[in-house]
Amino acid sequence: MKIRELKDGMRRVDVDGVIIDKSEPRTVNLRTGGQANVADCTLQDDSGSIKLSLWDDMIDQVKPGDKVRVENGYTN
């Protein structure tokens, strides 16, 4: 699927792209209690770009310039 085809509320999304940038991680409070770390990235393909949120262990797995595949994602 291409980024331009994504619409709000989609589930089970698979998309390929390149990480363009990544913010510094921040700590957020979860609705279920507890805390988690999250960092925002920009994911880009030849059709456009979107914000991609990385959680906890995923944050250190990518860096700008990496080609990634998001599997079973969702949009909101």
Protein backbone atom coordinates (compact mmCIF):
# COMPACT_ATOMS: atom_id res chain seq x y z
CA MET A 1 0.00 0.00 0.00
CA LYS A 2 1.18 3.53 -0.76
CA ILE A 3 1.15 6.30 1.85
CA ARG A 4 -1.22 8.43 -0.26
CA GLU A 5 -3.79 5.59 -0.07
CA LEU A 6 -3.96 5.70 3.73
CA LYS A 7 -7.11 7.09 5.33
CA ASP A 8 -8.03 7.83 8.94
CA GLY A 9 -9.23 4.81 10.90
CA MET A 10 -7.63 2.11 8.77
CA ARG A 11 -6.49 -1.15 10.45
CA ARG A 12 -4.07 -3.92 9.42
CA VAL A 13 -2.03 -1.53 7.27
CA ASP A 14 1.20 -2.67 5.59
CA VAL A 15 3.36 0.07 4.08
CA ASP A 16 7.01 0.44 3.00
CA GLY A 17 9.03 3.63 3.26
CA VAL A 18 12.16 5.41 4.39
CA ILE A 19 12.58 7.04 7.78
CA ILE A 20 13.30 10.72 7.02
CA ASP A 21 13.69 12.03 10.58
CA LYS A 22 13.19 10.92 14.18
CA SER A 23 12.43 12.99 17.29
CA GLU A 24 14.00 12.50 20.68
CA PRO A 25 12.03 9.98 22.78
CA ARG A 26 9.60 11.32 25.37
CA THR A 27 7.80 9.63 28.24
CA VAL A 28 4.01 9.41 28.11
CA ASN A 29 1.44 8.21 30.64
CA LEU A 30 -0.67 5.31 29.39
CA ARG A 31 -4.46 5.17 29.79
CA THR A 32 -4.06 1.74 31.35
CA GLY A 33 -1.58 3.08 33.90
CA GLY A 34 2.18 3.07 33.74
CA GLN A 35 4.44 4.88 31.33
CA ALA A 36 6.04 4.28 27.94
CA ASN A 37 8.60 5.98 25.75
CA VAL A 38 7.54 7.22 22.32
CA ALA A 39 9.37 8.92 19.45
CA ASP A 40 7.82 10.38 16.29
CA CYS A 41 9.33 9.73 12.85
CA THR A 42 8.48 10.79 9.34
CA LEU A 43 7.96 7.84 7.00
CA GLN A 44 8.12 8.65 3.29
CA ASP A 45 7.56 6.78 0.03
CA ASP A 46 7.26 8.03 -3.54
CA SER A 47 3.62 9.04 -2.95
CA GLY A 48 3.94 11.12 0.24
CA SER A 49 4.87 11.09 3.91
CA ILE A 50 3.21 10.42 7.29
CA LYS A 51 4.03 10.60 10.97
CA LEU A 52 4.99 7.23 12.45
CA SER A 53 5.08 6.74 16.23
CA LEU A 54 7.67 4.32 17.57
CA TRP A 55 7.15 2.83 21.03
CA ASP A 56 9.69 1.58 23.58
CA ASP A 57 12.04 -1.03 22.05
CA MET A 58 11.18 0.01 18.47
CA ILE A 59 12.74 3.46 19.02
CA ASP A 60 16.32 2.22 18.90
CA GLN A 61 15.73 -0.17 15.99
CA VAL A 62 15.58 2.54 13.29
CA LYS A 63 17.44 5.69 12.31
CA PRO A 64 16.97 8.29 9.58
CA GLY A 65 17.75 6.80 6.18
CA ASP A 66 16.57 3.29 7.09
CA LYS A 67 14.11 1.56 4.77
CA VAL A 68 11.34 -0.05 6.84
CA ARG A 69 8.14 -2.03 6.42
CA VAL A 70 5.27 -1.34 8.79
CA GLU A 71 3.12 -4.45 9.18
CA ASN A 72 -0.31 -4.63 10.80
CA GLY A 73 -0.29 -0.89 11.58
CA TYR A 74 -3.23 1.46 12.01
CA THR A 75 -4.00 5.08 11.23
CA ASN A 76 -5.65 7.80 13.30
